[in-house]
Amino acid sequence: MGKSIFYHAGCPVCISAEHDILHLIGEDKVEIIHIGEDRSKISTAENSGVKSVPALVTPNGNVLHINFGASIEDVKG
């Protein structure tokens, strides 16, 4: 089974969610992508169905939008 991908933009809501996700799922099962720092990953996130961050994309392609930190449009600026 592949890893889940956790997308975030670095805001306090995102960082808090990141800590919780890592604690719940485990660091070895989640890839963390900070799209505020690595803007080249924004289109990958959008193509996966991410509409806002923080969001977790599961190995089978489901997108779980967690709380609300920022929309993808806000991150793209």
Protein backbone atom coordinates (compact mmCIF):
# COMPACT_ATOMS: atom_id res chain seq x y z
CA MET A 1 0.00 0.00 0.00
CA GLY A 2 1.33 3.44 -0.93
CA LYS A 3 1.80 6.42 1.29
CA SER A 4 -0.80 9.08 1.96
CA ILE A 5 0.21 12.60 0.96
CA PHE A 6 -0.41 15.49 3.34
CA TYR A 7 -0.45 18.90 1.66
CA HIS A 8 -0.17 22.08 3.68
CA ALA A 9 0.90 25.70 3.38
CA GLY A 10 2.64 26.27 6.70
CA CYS A 11 -0.10 28.16 8.54
CA PRO A 12 -0.78 27.35 12.23
CA VAL A 13 -3.87 25.27 11.31
CA CYS A 14 -1.76 23.27 8.83
CA ILE A 15 1.11 22.69 11.25
CA SER A 16 -1.25 21.51 13.97
CA ALA A 17 -2.96 19.12 11.55
CA GLU A 18 0.44 17.86 10.36
CA HIS A 19 1.43 16.91 13.90
CA ASP A 20 -1.87 15.12 14.45
CA ILE A 21 -1.69 13.24 11.13
CA LEU A 22 1.88 12.09 11.80
CA HIS A 23 0.88 10.96 15.29
CA LEU A 24 -2.22 9.10 14.03
CA ILE A 25 -0.87 7.54 10.84
CA GLY A 26 2.88 7.43 11.42
CA GLU A 27 5.75 9.21 9.69
CA ASP A 28 6.57 6.17 7.58
CA LYS A 29 3.10 6.16 6.00
CA VAL A 30 2.74 9.86 5.12
CA GLU A 31 4.61 12.11 2.72
CA ILE A 32 4.47 15.75 3.84
CA ILE A 33 4.39 18.40 1.12
CA HIS A 34 4.59 22.06 2.12
CA ILE A 35 3.19 23.76 -0.99
CA GLY A 36 3.99 27.16 0.47
CA GLU A 37 7.68 26.29 0.13
CA ASP A 38 7.50 23.96 -2.88
CA ARG A 39 5.07 25.74 -5.19
CA SER A 40 5.83 23.28 -8.00
CA LYS A 41 3.62 20.77 -6.15
CA ILE A 42 0.49 22.97 -6.30
CA SER A 43 -0.61 21.59 -9.67
CA THR A 44 -0.07 18.01 -8.44
CA ALA A 45 -2.25 18.77 -5.43
CA GLU A 46 -4.94 20.31 -7.63
CA ASN A 47 -4.85 17.34 -10.02
CA SER A 48 -5.37 15.07 -7.01
CA GLY A 49 -8.52 17.01 -6.08
CA VAL A 50 -7.14 19.21 -3.30
CA LYS A 51 -9.25 22.37 -3.00
CA SER A 52 -7.87 23.69 0.29
CA VAL A 53 -5.11 22.94 2.76
CA PRO A 54 -4.50 21.15 4.98
CA ALA A 55 -5.58 18.08 3.04
CA LEU A 56 -4.67 14.42 3.06
CA VAL A 57 -4.73 12.38 -0.14
CA THR A 58 -5.09 8.69 0.68
CA PRO A 59 -3.33 5.95 -1.27
CA ASN A 60 -6.57 5.12 -3.12
CA GLY A 61 -7.04 8.75 -4.18
CA ASN A 62 -9.59 10.04 -1.67
CA VAL A 63 -9.01 13.65 -0.62
CA LEU A 64 -9.69 14.46 3.02
CA HIS A 65 -9.90 18.21 3.58
CA ILE A 66 -8.97 18.82 7.19
CA ASN A 67 -10.23 21.92 8.98
CA PHE A 68 -9.56 24.96 6.79
CA GLY A 69 -6.28 26.85 6.55
CA ALA A 70 -6.32 28.29 3.02
CA SER A 71 -7.80 27.62 -0.38
CA ILE A 72 -5.50 26.49 -3.17
CA GLU A 73 -6.31 29.75 -4.93
CA ASP A 74 -5.02 31.71 -1.91
CA VAL A 75 -1.83 29.66 -1.86
CA LYS A 76 -1.27 30.24 -5.57
CA GLY A 77 -1.57 33.95 -4.84
